[in-house]
């Protein structure tokens, strides 16, 4: 079990605003063989998740509760009525749907918690859950399942965790596809195959953009009131994949424990020269308008050149969710100018 410092640290990177930095454990990419897909609800169901745990049920689960981004990915692969509840950012303060939810029918599911640390055990139990699914950034840690209440949550239904760190983005996409298939999704459906084709074309567009405009140095970052986080492409799954496609991403040099990022004081925000900044675009992180008052932000060459693009620091791990990210990255790289 991770201690409270570890949990705060991981949130500090991905929620884009925590000032505390502590122990972060490496993600694991185990998993082995996944479930054998079934076409009906009858008969036993099994799935080996990325904790290398074989999850079993007498019948295929039909009442699934998941982290919002996970639920949206499963919907992209063809699930629908099986998703009965979600936890994690789902609705914004103004009532609009959080982008993390993708094409999930937000009005058709129970929202157990809308922010980090919020998870209603009572609502969860009332849903009669048959499976809980979420990301796993650190070994054994279920993303957005609070440590303080997990001993009440986990006995209520089997759980599946999919590794979303230290592996390229294609890995969790493939794993969520396998899970969706095991739960009854048809991966040969046109919606799914079209999305995969779009993803592959988008990946090629990034490769071609890098070739057409070589030498663009990219920094992926997140801003908080006190710190500027430089993310590590050797750990962040999307950045790892971008690097595989040829994108030249800054690798921080003084990493915190766990290697997810380097936390810089705002006085040192310019430590890593970059032609293009990918900035965490979630509501939990400071946006360009919020950062405008910080002198060191305004002096960064990429900021002065208006070469700052939004970055989905917690991507939706499906072909449909990831394709637009790659398309936007390709467009941004093609338009970027070398600044030094």
Foldseek 3Di string as FASTA:
>chain_A
DDDPLQVLQVCCAQLQARPGHDAHAAFAAAFPAAWDFDADFAAKTWTGARLRDIDIDRTQQQAEEEAQLLVQQLVLLPDANSDAEHEEAAADPVGHGDCSNPPHPSVRHHYQYRHQPGGNLVVLLVSQGAEYEAEDRHNPDGPSPDPVCVVSRPVSYPYHYHYQKQAALLSSQVVSSSVSSNNNGDCVDPSNVVLLVLLVVLLVLLLVLCVLQPDFEEWEWFHHPFWIKTFALSIGRHSVSSVVSPHHYDHDDDAGHNRGTDIHGLVCPQVDQGQAYAYADDPSTDDPVRCVPRVSVCPRNNNVVVRYHYDPSDFNSHSNGCSVVSNVSSVSSNPTDDDD
